[in-house]
Amino acid sequence: MSTPPKEKFLVLYLAPAQVLADWAKTDPATRQAAEEKMRAEWQQWMRDHAPMLSMTEAAGKTKSITSSGLSDTKNDIMLYSIVEAESHDIAAKAFERHPHLQIPQSSIQVTAIRPMGPM
């Protein structure tokens, strides 16, 4: 019996820009200790879930493009990943206890990616 093909998902790690700006004002020693703890937990989570992760990268500056033109903008996206899993629910459940959720008001969105077909 063959295993069903895995589906692909876009994972967005979100945190409000104001929360991050406020965090940057935290006492450096306190901030450093908390960031080192979270970094270690992230690395462990990444090792534990490596088979499902295709890539994880940081998001940078953002441009907004509308019919009126383009402009600099901000959003809450900190990072993104591409993951593969047997189903949407399996992919989402893998992130239920992700260290990113320790950031106040943070969230993680798991979006199905589907092929568009020939253009």
PDB file of N, CA and C in Angstrom:
ATOM      1  N   MET A   1       0.847  -1.179   0.000  1.00  0.00           N
ATOM      2  CA  MET A   1       0.000   0.000   0.000  1.00  0.00           C
ATOM      3  C   MET A   1       0.891   1.240   0.000  1.00  0.00           C
ATOM      4  N   SER A   2       0.661   2.155  -0.927  1.00  0.00           N
ATOM      5  CA  SER A   2       1.495   3.352  -1.002  1.00  0.00           C
ATOM      6  C   SER A   2       0.966   4.443  -0.077  1.00  0.00           C
ATOM      7  N   THR A   3       1.878   5.301   0.343  1.00  0.00           N
ATOM      8  CA  THR A   3       1.474   6.403   1.211  1.00  0.00           C
ATOM      9  C   THR A   3       0.923   7.527   0.346  1.00  0.00           C
ATOM     10  N   PRO A   4      -0.096   8.219   0.831  1.00  0.00           N
ATOM     11  CA  PRO A   4      -0.659   9.321   0.040  1.00  0.00           C
ATOM     12  C   PRO A   4       0.365  10.439  -0.104  1.00  0.00           C
ATOM     13  N   PRO A   5       0.296  11.178  -1.214  1.00  0.00           N
ATOM     14  CA  PRO A   5       1.248  12.279  -1.385  1.00  0.00           C
ATOM     15  C   PRO A   5       1.032  13.349  -0.321  1.00  0.00           C
ATOM     16  N   LYS A   6       2.107  13.975   0.073  1.00  0.00           N
ATOM     17  CA  LYS A   6       2.006  15.035   1.080  1.00  0.00           C
ATOM     18  C   LYS A   6       1.547  16.327   0.413  1.00  0.00           C
ATOM     19  N   GLU A   7       0.814  17.109   1.187  1.00  0.00           N
ATOM     20  CA  GLU A   7       0.360  18.420   0.734  1.00  0.00           C
ATOM     21  C   GLU A   7       1.346  19.470   1.228  1.00  0.00           C
ATOM     22  N   LYS A   8       1.374  20.618   0.549  1.00  0.00           N
ATOM     23  CA  LYS A   8       2.255  21.723   0.944  1.00  0.00           C
ATOM     24  C   LYS A   8       1.438  22.827   1.601  1.00  0.00           C
ATOM     25  N   PHE A   9       2.103  23.492   2.576  1.00  0.00           N
ATOM     26  CA  PHE A   9       1.452  24.563   3.322  1.00  0.00           C
ATOM     27  C   PHE A   9       2.411  25.725   3.520  1.00  0.00           C
ATOM     28  N   LEU A  10       1.861  26.930   3.477  1.00  0.00           N
ATOM     29  CA  LEU A  10       2.588  28.152   3.806  1.00  0.00           C
ATOM     30  C   LEU A  10       2.269  28.468   5.257  1.00  0.00           C
ATOM     31  N   VAL A  11       3.302  28.619   6.068  1.00  0.00           N
ATOM     32  CA  VAL A  11       3.129  28.920   7.483  1.00  0.00           C
ATOM     33  C   VAL A  11       3.634  30.338   7.732  1.00  0.00           C
ATOM     34  N   LEU A  12       2.774  31.186   8.279  1.00  0.00           N
ATOM     35  CA  LEU A  12       3.150  32.563   8.604  1.00  0.00           C
ATOM     36  C   LEU A  12       3.228  32.704  10.117  1.00  0.00           C
ATOM     37  N   TYR A  13       4.360  33.228  10.584  1.00  0.00           N
ATOM     38  CA  TYR A  13       4.573  33.492  12.007  1.00  0.00           C
ATOM     39  C   TYR A  13       4.329  34.992  12.189  1.00  0.00           C
ATOM     40  N   LEU A  14       3.293  35.354  12.924  1.00  0.00           N
ATOM     41  CA  LEU A  14       2.863  36.748  13.051  1.00  0.00           C
ATOM     42  C   LEU A  14       3.056  37.257  14.474  1.00  0.00           C
ATOM     43  N   ALA A  15       3.430  38.527  14.569  1.00  0.00           N
ATOM     44  CA  ALA A  15       3.488  39.225  15.859  1.00  0.00           C
ATOM     45  C   ALA A  15       3.301  40.707  15.574  1.00  0.00           C
ATOM     46  N   PRO A  16       2.448  41.378  16.336  1.00  0.00           N
ATOM     47  CA  PRO A  16       2.218  42.807  16.097  1.00  0.00           C
ATOM     48  C   PRO A  16       3.517  43.616  16.194  1.00  0.00           C
ATOM     49  N   ALA A  17       3.706  44.501  15.243  1.00  0.00           N
ATOM     50  CA  ALA A  17       4.909  45.335  15.204  1.00  0.00           C
ATOM     51  C   ALA A  17       5.086  46.117  16.506  1.00  0.00           C
ATOM     52  N   GLN A  18       3.987  46.585  17.109  1.00  0.00           N
ATOM     53  CA  GLN A  18       4.086  47.358  18.349  1.00  0.00           C
ATOM     54  C   GLN A  18       4.594  46.494  19.500  1.00  0.00           C
ATOM     55  N   VAL A  19       4.191  45.240  19.539  1.00  0.00           N
ATOM     56  CA  VAL A  19       4.668  44.322  20.581  1.00  0.00           C
ATOM     57  C   VAL A  19       6.185  44.165  20.450  1.00  0.00           C
ATOM     58  N   LEU A  20       6.659  44.009  19.222  1.00  0.00           N
ATOM     59  CA  LEU A  20       8.099  43.860  19.001  1.00  0.00           C
ATOM     60  C   LEU A  20       8.849  45.146  19.333  1.00  0.00           C
ATOM     61  N   ALA A  21       8.259  46.287  18.999  1.00  0.00           N
ATOM     62  CA  ALA A  21       8.890  47.572  19.330  1.00  0.00           C
ATOM     63  C   ALA A  21       8.976  47.761  20.841  1.00  0.00           C
ATOM     64  N   ASP A  22       7.923  47.385  21.551  1.00  0.00           N
ATOM     65  CA  ASP A  22       7.933  47.480  23.012  1.00  0.00           C
ATOM     66  C   ASP A  22       8.971  46.530  23.599  1.00  0.00           C
ATOM     67  N   TRP A  23       9.083  45.328  23.031  1.00  0.00           N
ATOM     68  CA  TRP A  23      10.057  44.345  23.503  1.00  0.00           C
ATOM     69  C   TRP A  23      11.479  44.884  23.351  1.00  0.00           C
ATOM     70  N   ALA A  24      11.729  45.604  22.272  1.00  0.00           N
ATOM     71  CA  ALA A  24      13.060  46.165  22.025  1.00  0.00           C
ATOM     72  C   ALA A  24      13.466  47.155  23.117  1.00  0.00           C
ATOM     73  N   LYS A  25      12.498  47.698  23.846  1.00  0.00           N
ATOM     74  CA  LYS A  25      12.779  48.654  24.928  1.00  0.00           C
ATOM     75  C   LYS A  25      13.023  47.957  26.269  1.00  0.00           C
ATOM     76  N   THR A  26      12.859  46.636  26.304  1.00  0.00           N
ATOM     77  CA  THR A  26      13.058  45.860  27.535  1.00  0.00           C
ATOM     78  C   THR A  26      14.527  45.917  27.948  1.00  0.00           C
ATOM     79  N   ASP A  27      14.772  45.851  29.254  1.00  0.00           N
ATOM     80  CA  ASP A  27      16.135  45.823  29.770  1.00  0.00           C
ATOM     81  C   ASP A  27      16.955  44.791  28.985  1.00  0.00           C
ATOM     82  N   PRO A  28      18.125  45.182  28.453  1.00  0.00           N
ATOM     83  CA  PRO A  28      18.917  44.271  27.606  1.00  0.00           C
ATOM     84  C   PRO A  28      19.241  42.923  28.242  1.00  0.00           C
ATOM     85  N   ALA A  29      19.543  42.889  29.523  1.00  0.00           N
ATOM     86  CA  ALA A  29      19.871  41.613  30.170  1.00  0.00           C
ATOM     87  C   ALA A  29      18.646  40.696  30.215  1.00  0.00           C
ATOM     88  N   THR A  30      17.507  41.268  30.544  1.00  0.00           N
ATOM     89  CA  THR A  30      16.258  40.499  30.579  1.00  0.00           C
ATOM     90  C   THR A  30      15.918  39.993  29.183  1.00  0.00           C
ATOM     91  N   ARG A  31      16.033  40.897  28.207  1.00  0.00           N
ATOM     92  CA  ARG A  31      15.713  40.543  26.820  1.00  0.00           C
ATOM     93  C   ARG A  31      16.641  39.445  26.309  1.00  0.00           C
ATOM     94  N   GLN A  32      17.922  39.561  26.586  1.00  0.00           N
ATOM     95  CA  GLN A  32      18.893  38.584  26.098  1.00  0.00           C
ATOM     96  C   GLN A  32      18.602  37.190  26.663  1.00  0.00           C
ATOM     97  N   ALA A  33      18.330  37.106  27.949  1.00  0.00           N
ATOM     98  CA  ALA A  33      18.035  35.807  28.574  1.00  0.00           C
ATOM     99  C   ALA A  33      16.781  35.180  27.958  1.00  0.00           C
ATOM    100  N   ALA A  34      15.742  35.969  27.783  1.00  0.00           N
ATOM    101  CA  ALA A  34      14.491  35.450  27.212  1.00  0.00           C
ATOM    102  C   ALA A  34      14.689  35.039  25.753  1.00  0.00           C
ATOM    103  N   GLU A  35      15.448  35.830  24.998  1.00  0.00           N
ATOM    104  CA  GLU A  35      15.684  35.503  23.589  1.00  0.00           C
ATOM    105  C   GLU A  35      16.539  34.250  23.437  1.00  0.00           C
ATOM    106  N   GLU A  36      17.518  34.066  24.312  1.00  0.00           N
ATOM    107  CA  GLU A  36      18.337  32.851  24.256  1.00  0.00           C
ATOM    108  C   GLU A  36      17.491  31.615  24.573  1.00  0.00           C
ATOM    109  N   LYS A  37      16.607  31.729  25.558  1.00  0.00           N
ATOM    110  CA  LYS A  37      15.715  30.620  25.908  1.00  0.00           C
ATOM    111  C   LYS A  37      14.810  30.278  24.724  1.00  0.00           C
ATOM    112  N   MET A  38      14.194  31.291  24.128  1.00  0.00           N
ATOM    113  CA  MET A  38      13.297  31.054  23.005  1.00  0.00           C
ATOM    114  C   MET A  38      14.075  30.498  21.806  1.00  0.00           C
ATOM    115  N   ARG A  39      15.260  31.002  21.556  1.00  0.00           N
ATOM    116  CA  ARG A  39      16.078  30.513  20.435  1.00  0.00           C
ATOM    117  C   ARG A  39      16.372  29.020  20.612  1.00  0.00           C
ATOM    118  N   ALA A  40      16.717  28.613  21.815  1.00  0.00           N
ATOM    119  CA  ALA A  40      16.991  27.193  22.086  1.00  0.00           C
ATOM    120  C   ALA A  40      15.731  26.354  21.862  1.00  0.00           C
ATOM    121  N   GLU A  41      14.582  26.861  22.306  1.00  0.00           N
ATOM    122  CA  GLU A  41      13.326  26.140  22.119  1.00  0.00           C
ATOM    123  C   GLU A  41      12.949  26.056  20.648  1.00  0.00           C
ATOM    124  N   TRP A  42      13.195  27.144  19.892  1.00  0.00           N
ATOM    125  CA  TRP A  42      12.957  27.156  18.445  1.00  0.00           C
ATOM    126  C   TRP A  42      13.824  26.093  17.773  1.00  0.00           C
ATOM    127  N   GLN A  43      15.110  26.078  18.108  1.00  0.00           N
ATOM    128  CA  GLN A  43      16.026  25.131  17.479  1.00  0.00           C
ATOM    129  C   GLN A  43      15.602  23.697  17.774  1.00  0.00           C
ATOM    130  N   GLN A  44      15.157  23.437  18.990  1.00  0.00           N
ATOM    131  CA  GLN A  44      14.682  22.096  19.329  1.00  0.00           C
ATOM    132  C   GLN A  44      13.427  21.762  18.536  1.00  0.00           C
ATOM    133  N   TRP A  45      12.498  22.710  18.427  1.00  0.00           N
ATOM    134  CA  TRP A  45      11.276  22.486  17.664  1.00  0.00           C
ATOM    135  C   TRP A  45      11.626  22.199  16.209  1.00  0.00           C
ATOM    136  N   MET A  46      12.556  22.957  15.651  1.00  0.00           N
ATOM    137  CA  MET A  46      12.963  22.770  14.245  1.00  0.00           C
ATOM    138  C   MET A  46      13.586  21.379  14.053  1.00  0.00           C
ATOM    139  N   ARG A  47      14.411  20.940  14.983  1.00  0.00           N
ATOM    140  CA  ARG A  47      14.993  19.590  14.883  1.00  0.00           C
ATOM    141  C   ARG A  47      13.903  18.524  14.957  1.00  0.00           C
ATOM    142  N   ASP A  48      12.973  18.699  15.885  1.00  0.00           N
ATOM    143  CA  ASP A  48      11.905  17.719  16.080  1.00  0.00           C
ATOM    144  C   ASP A  48      10.978  17.625  14.865  1.00  0.00           C
ATOM    145  N   HIS A  49      10.845  18.710  14.125  1.00  0.00           N
ATOM    146  CA  HIS A  49       9.905  18.757  13.004  1.00  0.00           C
ATOM    147  C   HIS A  49      10.613  18.870  11.651  1.00  0.00           C
ATOM    148  N   ALA A  50      11.898  18.630  11.612  1.00  0.00           N
ATOM    149  CA  ALA A  50      12.692  18.771  10.386  1.00  0.00           C
ATOM    150  C   ALA A  50      12.113  18.028   9.185  1.00  0.00           C
ATOM    151  N   PRO A  51      11.580  16.809   9.354  1.00  0.00           N
ATOM    152  CA  PRO A  51      11.070  16.104   8.171  1.00  0.00           C
ATOM    153  C   PRO A  51       9.944  16.836   7.435  1.00  0.00           C
ATOM    154  N   MET A  52       9.191  17.670   8.135  1.00  0.00           N
ATOM    155  CA  MET A  52       8.077  18.358   7.474  1.00  0.00           C
ATOM    156  C   MET A  52       8.465  19.740   6.931  1.00  0.00           C
ATOM    157  N   LEU A  53       9.619  20.266   7.339  1.00  0.00           N
ATOM    158  CA  LEU A  53      10.017  21.624   6.962  1.00  0.00           C
ATOM    159  C   LEU A  53      10.826  21.641   5.664  1.00  0.00           C
ATOM    160  N   SER A  54      10.320  22.343   4.666  1.00  0.00           N
ATOM    161  CA  SER A  54      11.074  22.536   3.430  1.00  0.00           C
ATOM    162  C   SER A  54      11.994  23.736   3.558  1.00  0.00           C
ATOM    163  N   MET A  55      11.488  24.785   4.211  1.00  0.00           N
ATOM    164  CA  MET A  55      12.286  25.996   4.408  1.00  0.00           C
ATOM    165  C   MET A  55      11.636  26.876   5.455  1.00  0.00           C
ATOM    166  N   THR A  56      12.462  27.699   6.113  1.00  0.00           N
ATOM    167  CA  THR A  56      11.989  28.732   7.033  1.00  0.00           C
ATOM    168  C   THR A  56      12.907  29.922   6.843  1.00  0.00           C
ATOM    169  N   GLU A  57      12.310  31.083   6.618  1.00  0.00           N
ATOM    170  CA  GLU A  57      13.091  32.298   6.387  1.00  0.00           C
ATOM    171  C   GLU A  57      12.411  33.483   7.067  1.00  0.00           C
ATOM    172  N   ALA A  58      13.205  34.504   7.337  1.00  0.00           N
ATOM    173  CA  ALA A  58      12.689  35.733   7.938  1.00  0.00           C
ATOM    174  C   ALA A  58      12.092  36.627   6.852  1.00  0.00           C
ATOM    175  N   ALA A  59      11.025  37.307   7.218  1.00  0.00           N
ATOM    176  CA  ALA A  59      10.418  38.287   6.326  1.00  0.00           C
ATOM    177  C   ALA A  59      11.096  39.633   6.556  1.00  0.00           C
ATOM    178  N   GLY A  60      11.221  40.404   5.516  1.00  0.00           N
ATOM    179  CA  GLY A  60      11.891  41.692   5.622  1.00  0.00           C
ATOM    180  C   GLY A  60      10.950  42.847   5.341  1.00  0.00           C
ATOM    181  N   LYS A  61      11.522  43.931   4.833  1.00  0.00           N
ATOM    182  CA  LYS A  61      10.728  45.119   4.517  1.00  0.00           C
ATOM    183  C   LYS A  61       9.635  44.762   3.516  1.00  0.00           C
ATOM    184  N   THR A  62       8.529  45.485   3.609  1.00  0.00           N
ATOM    185  CA  THR A  62       7.359  45.169   2.796  1.00  0.00           C
ATOM    186  C   THR A  62       6.941  46.363   1.962  1.00  0.00           C
ATOM    187  N   LYS A  63       6.554  46.089   0.734  1.00  0.00           N
ATOM    188  CA  LYS A  63       5.978  47.085  -0.176  1.00  0.00           C
ATOM    189  C   LYS A  63       4.529  46.693  -0.430  1.00  0.00           C
ATOM    190  N   SER A  64       3.659  47.666  -0.481  1.00  0.00           N
ATOM    191  CA  SER A  64       2.257  47.456  -0.821  1.00  0.00           C
ATOM    192  C   SER A  64       2.036  47.989  -2.230  1.00  0.00           C
ATOM    193  N   ILE A  65       1.423  47.179  -3.067  1.00  0.00           N
ATOM    194  CA  ILE A  65       1.163  47.578  -4.444  1.00  0.00           C
ATOM    195  C   ILE A  65      -0.344  47.583  -4.658  1.00  0.00           C
ATOM    196  N   THR A  66      -0.877  48.716  -5.075  1.00  0.00           N
ATOM    197  CA  THR A  66      -2.299  48.845  -5.376  1.00  0.00           C
ATOM    198  C   THR A  66      -2.430  49.488  -6.754  1.00  0.00           C
ATOM    199  N   SER A  67      -3.645  49.656  -7.207  1.00  0.00           N
ATOM    200  CA  SER A  67      -3.862  50.319  -8.495  1.00  0.00           C
ATOM    201  C   SER A  67      -3.403  51.778  -8.443  1.00  0.00           C
ATOM    202  N   SER A  68      -3.228  52.325  -7.238  1.00  0.00           N
ATOM    203  CA  SER A  68      -2.757  53.709  -7.082  1.00  0.00           C
ATOM    204  C   SER A  68      -1.242  53.816  -7.074  1.00  0.00           C
ATOM    205  N   GLY A  69      -0.545  52.671  -7.007  1.00  0.00           N
ATOM    206  CA  GLY A  69       0.914  52.700  -6.989  1.00  0.00           C
ATOM    207  C   GLY A  69       1.470  51.825  -5.884  1.00  0.00           C
ATOM    208  N   LEU A  70       2.714  52.105  -5.506  1.00  0.00           N
ATOM    209  CA  LEU A  70       3.328  51.305  -4.455  1.00  0.00           C
ATOM    210  C   LEU A  70       3.845  52.194  -3.339  1.00  0.00           C
ATOM    211  N   SER A  71       3.929  51.578  -2.157  1.00  0.00           N
ATOM    212  CA  SER A  71       4.371  52.316  -0.979  1.00  0.00           C
ATOM    213  C   SER A  71       4.984  51.343   0.017  1.00  0.00           C
ATOM    214  N   ASP A  72       5.781  51.892   0.921  1.00  0.00           N
ATOM    215  CA  ASP A  72       6.303  51.100   2.020  1.00  0.00           C
ATOM    216  C   ASP A  72       5.162  50.850   2.997  1.00  0.00           C
ATOM    217  N   THR A  73       5.162  49.700   3.605  1.00  0.00           N
ATOM    218  CA  THR A  73       4.135  49.369   4.590  1.00  0.00           C
ATOM    219  C   THR A  73       4.720  48.411   5.612  1.00  0.00           C
ATOM    220  N   LYS A  74       3.970  48.129   6.640  1.00  0.00           N
ATOM    221  CA  LYS A  74       4.366  47.158   7.658  1.00  0.00           C
ATOM    222  C   LYS A  74       3.251  46.151   7.804  1.00  0.00           C
ATOM    223  N   ASN A  75       3.626  44.942   8.176  1.00  0.00           N
ATOM    224  CA  ASN A  75       2.638  43.920   8.509  1.00  0.00           C
ATOM    225  C   ASN A  75       3.170  43.141   9.704  1.00  0.00           C
ATOM    226  N   ASP A  76       2.460  42.144  10.119  1.00  0.00           N
ATOM    227  CA  ASP A  76       2.836  41.398  11.315  1.00  0.00           C
ATOM    228  C   ASP A  76       3.644  40.132  11.016  1.00  0.00           C
ATOM    229  N   ILE A  77       4.031  39.930   9.755  1.00  0.00           N
ATOM    230  CA  ILE A  77       4.752  38.713   9.382  1.00  0.00           C
ATOM    231  C   ILE A  77       6.217  38.836   9.796  1.00  0.00           C
ATOM    232  N   MET A  78       6.662  37.924  10.661  1.00  0.00           N
ATOM    233  CA  MET A  78       8.060  37.883  11.095  1.00  0.00           C
ATOM    234  C   MET A  78       8.861  36.871  10.270  1.00  0.00           C
ATOM    235  N   LEU A  79       8.266  35.707  10.074  1.00  0.00           N
ATOM    236  CA  LEU A  79       8.923  34.597   9.386  1.00  0.00           C
ATOM    237  C   LEU A  79       7.879  33.852   8.577  1.00  0.00           C
ATOM    238  N   TYR A  80       8.372  32.983   7.697  1.00  0.00           N
ATOM    239  CA  TYR A  80       7.472  32.065   7.015  1.00  0.00           C
ATOM    240  C   TYR A  80       8.191  30.746   6.793  1.00  0.00           C
ATOM    241  N   SER A  81       7.405  29.694   6.680  1.00  0.00           N
ATOM    242  CA  SER A  81       7.924  28.359   6.388  1.00  0.00           C
ATOM    243  C   SER A  81       7.087  27.740   5.284  1.00  0.00           C
ATOM    244  N   ILE A  82       7.684  26.816   4.576  1.00  0.00           N
ATOM    245  CA  ILE A  82       6.955  25.922   3.688  1.00  0.00           C
ATOM    246  C   ILE A  82       7.076  24.545   4.330  1.00  0.00           C
ATOM    247  N   VAL A  83       5.933  23.910   4.579  1.00  0.00           N
ATOM    248  CA  VAL A  83       5.942  22.591   5.202  1.00  0.00           C
ATOM    249  C   VAL A  83       5.149  21.614   4.345  1.00  0.00           C
ATOM    250  N   GLU A  84       5.444  20.340   4.541  1.00  0.00           N
ATOM    251  CA  GLU A  84       4.707  19.277   3.875  1.00  0.00           C
ATOM    252  C   GLU A  84       4.147  18.347   4.939  1.00  0.00           C
ATOM    253  N   ALA A  85       2.872  17.987   4.772  1.00  0.00           N
ATOM    254  CA  ALA A  85       2.218  17.097   5.726  1.00  0.00           C
ATOM    255  C   ALA A  85       1.112  16.326   5.006  1.00  0.00           C
ATOM    256  N   GLU A  86       0.632  15.288   5.653  1.00  0.00           N
ATOM    257  CA  GLU A  86      -0.411  14.453   5.068  1.00  0.00           C
ATOM    258  C   GLU A  86      -1.744  15.185   4.953  1.00  0.00           C
ATOM    259  N   SER A  87      -1.969  16.172   5.821  1.00  0.00           N
ATOM    260  CA  SER A  87      -3.222  16.932   5.772  1.00  0.00           C
ATOM    261  C   SER A  87      -3.026  18.305   6.414  1.00  0.00           C
ATOM    262  N   HIS A  88      -4.009  19.162   6.183  1.00  0.00           N
ATOM    263  CA  HIS A  88      -4.003  20.504   6.762  1.00  0.00           C
ATOM    264  C   HIS A  88      -4.027  20.422   8.288  1.00  0.00           C
ATOM    265  N   ASP A  89      -4.874  19.545   8.821  1.00  0.00           N
ATOM    266  CA  ASP A  89      -4.970  19.397  10.280  1.00  0.00           C
ATOM    267  C   ASP A  89      -3.653  18.923  10.887  1.00  0.00           C
ATOM    268  N   ILE A  90      -3.001  17.969  10.249  1.00  0.00           N
ATOM    269  CA  ILE A  90      -1.713  17.484  10.764  1.00  0.00           C
ATOM    270  C   ILE A  90      -0.688  18.601  10.752  1.00  0.00           C
ATOM    271  N   ALA A  91      -0.654  19.369   9.660  1.00  0.00           N
ATOM    272  CA  ALA A  91       0.289  20.490   9.581  1.00  0.00           C
ATOM    273  C   ALA A  91       0.011  21.497  10.691  1.00  0.00           C
ATOM    274  N   ALA A  92      -1.241  21.872  10.864  1.00  0.00           N
ATOM    275  CA  ALA A  92      -1.595  22.884  11.867  1.00  0.00           C
ATOM    276  C   ALA A  92      -1.296  22.394  13.284  1.00  0.00           C
ATOM    277  N   LYS A  93      -1.634  21.151  13.582  1.00  0.00           N
ATOM    278  CA  LYS A  93      -1.412  20.620  14.930  1.00  0.00           C
ATOM    279  C   LYS A  93       0.070  20.616  15.310  1.00  0.00           C
ATOM    280  N   ALA A  94       0.946  20.507  14.326  1.00  0.00           N
ATOM    281  CA  ALA A  94       2.388  20.517  14.612  1.00  0.00           C
ATOM    282  C   ALA A  94       2.832  21.849  15.218  1.00  0.00           C
ATOM    283  N   PHE A  95       2.060  22.902  14.998  1.00  0.00           N
ATOM    284  CA  PHE A  95       2.434  24.244  15.465  1.00  0.00           C
ATOM    285  C   PHE A  95       1.702  24.657  16.745  1.00  0.00           C
ATOM    286  N   GLU A  96       0.881  23.793  17.310  1.00  0.00           N
ATOM    287  CA  GLU A  96       0.077  24.157  18.486  1.00  0.00           C
ATOM    288  C   GLU A  96       0.911  24.619  19.679  1.00  0.00           C
ATOM    289  N   ARG A  97       2.074  24.068  19.865  1.00  0.00           N
ATOM    290  CA  ARG A  97       2.912  24.434  21.022  1.00  0.00           C
ATOM    291  C   ARG A  97       4.236  25.046  20.565  1.00  0.00           C
ATOM    292  N   HIS A  98       4.202  25.707  19.438  1.00  0.00           N
ATOM    293  CA  HIS A  98       5.422  26.301  18.877  1.00  0.00           C
ATOM    294  C   HIS A  98       5.930  27.438  19.778  1.00  0.00           C
ATOM    295  N   PRO A  99       7.251  27.542  19.968  1.00  0.00           N
ATOM    296  CA  PRO A  99       7.814  28.598  20.826  1.00  0.00           C
ATOM    297  C   PRO A  99       7.443  30.023  20.397  1.00  0.00           C
ATOM    298  N   HIS A 100       7.151  30.235  19.126  1.00  0.00           N
ATOM    299  CA  HIS A 100       6.754  31.572  18.658  1.00  0.00           C
ATOM    300  C   HIS A 100       5.546  32.092  19.427  1.00  0.00           C
ATOM    301  N   LEU A 101       4.686  31.194  19.871  1.00  0.00           N
ATOM    302  CA  LEU A 101       3.453  31.599  20.548  1.00  0.00           C
ATOM    303  C   LEU A 101       3.693  32.172  21.937  1.00  0.00           C
ATOM    304  N   GLN A 102       4.945  32.153  22.400  1.00  0.00           N
ATOM    305  CA  GLN A 102       5.294  32.795  23.672  1.00  0.00           C
ATOM    306  C   GLN A 102       5.309  34.320  23.535  1.00  0.00           C
ATOM    307  N   ILE A 103       5.424  34.824  22.317  1.00  0.00           N
ATOM    308  CA  ILE A 103       5.411  36.270  22.084  1.00  0.00           C
ATOM    309  C   ILE A 103       3.976  36.756  22.306  1.00  0.00           C
ATOM    310  N   PRO A 104       3.775  37.769  23.130  1.00  0.00           N
ATOM    311  CA  PRO A 104       2.411  38.259  23.372  1.00  0.00           C
ATOM    312  C   PRO A 104       1.708  38.627  22.059  1.00  0.00           C
ATOM    313  N   GLN A 105       0.450  38.256  21.954  1.00  0.00           N
ATOM    314  CA  GLN A 105      -0.424  38.555  20.825  1.00  0.00           C
ATOM    315  C   GLN A 105       0.059  37.930  19.505  1.00  0.00           C
ATOM    316  N   SER A 106       0.961  36.964  19.576  1.00  0.00           N
ATOM    317  CA  SER A 106       1.455  36.331  18.354  1.00  0.00           C
ATOM    318  C   SER A 106       0.469  35.264  17.882  1.00  0.00           C
ATOM    319  N   SER A 107       0.653  34.855  16.642  1.00  0.00           N
ATOM    320  CA  SER A 107      -0.144  33.770  16.086  1.00  0.00           C
ATOM    321  C   SER A 107       0.645  33.109  14.964  1.00  0.00           C
ATOM    322  N   ILE A 108       0.168  31.962  14.554  1.00  0.00           N
ATOM    323  CA  ILE A 108       0.733  31.233  13.431  1.00  0.00           C
ATOM    324  C   ILE A 108      -0.429  30.846  12.533  1.00  0.00           C
ATOM    325  N   GLN A 109      -0.281  31.119  11.238  1.00  0.00           N
ATOM    326  CA  GLN A 109      -1.302  30.735  10.273  1.00  0.00           C
ATOM    327  C   GLN A 109      -0.728  29.674   9.349  1.00  0.00           C
ATOM    328  N   VAL A 110      -1.495  28.626   9.107  1.00  0.00           N
ATOM    329  CA  VAL A 110      -1.093  27.543   8.220  1.00  0.00           C
ATOM    330  C   VAL A 110      -2.082  27.528   7.057  1.00  0.00           C
ATOM    331  N   THR A 111      -1.580  27.850   5.868  1.00  0.00           N
ATOM    332  CA  THR A 111      -2.420  27.998   4.681  1.00  0.00           C
ATOM    333  C   THR A 111      -2.063  26.933   3.652  1.00  0.00           C
ATOM    334  N   ALA A 112      -3.057  26.257   3.127  1.00  0.00           N
ATOM    335  CA  ALA A 112      -2.822  25.259   2.096  1.00  0.00           C
ATOM    336  C   ALA A 112      -2.300  25.933   0.824  1.00  0.00           C
ATOM    337  N   ILE A 113      -1.343  25.278   0.199  1.00  0.00           N
ATOM    338  CA  ILE A 113      -0.822  25.725  -1.097  1.00  0.00           C
ATOM    339  C   ILE A 113      -1.331  24.733  -2.128  1.00  0.00           C
ATOM    340  N   ARG A 114      -1.934  25.236  -3.160  1.00  0.00           N
ATOM    341  CA  ARG A 114      -2.421  24.318  -4.198  1.00  0.00           C
ATOM    342  C   ARG A 114      -1.895  24.753  -5.561  1.00  0.00           C
ATOM    343  N   PRO A 115      -1.590  23.797  -6.398  1.00  0.00           N
ATOM    344  CA  PRO A 115      -1.050  24.120  -7.706  1.00  0.00           C
ATOM    345  C   PRO A 115      -2.067  24.887  -8.541  1.00  0.00           C
ATOM    346  N   MET A 116      -1.569  25.805  -9.339  1.00  0.00           N
ATOM    347  CA  MET A 116      -2.439  26.599 -10.194  1.00  0.00           C
ATOM    348  C   MET A 116      -2.622  25.973 -11.581  1.00  0.00           C
ATOM    349  N   GLY A 117      -1.730  25.086 -11.946  1.00  0.00           N
ATOM    350  CA  GLY A 117      -1.808  24.515 -13.278  1.00  0.00           C
ATOM    351  C   GLY A 117      -1.080  25.395 -14.273  1.00  0.00           C
ATOM    352  N   PRO A 118      -1.053  24.990 -15.531  1.00  0.00           N
ATOM    353  CA  PRO A 118      -0.312  25.770 -16.525  1.00  0.00           C
ATOM    354  C   PRO A 118      -0.918  27.150 -16.715  1.00  0.00           C
ATOM    355  N   MET A 119      -0.073  28.094 -16.962  1.00  0.00           N
ATOM    356  CA  MET A 119      -0.523  29.480 -17.182  1.00  0.00           C
ATOM    357  C   MET A 119      -0.659  29.759 -18.658  1.00  0.00           C
TER     358      MET A 119
END
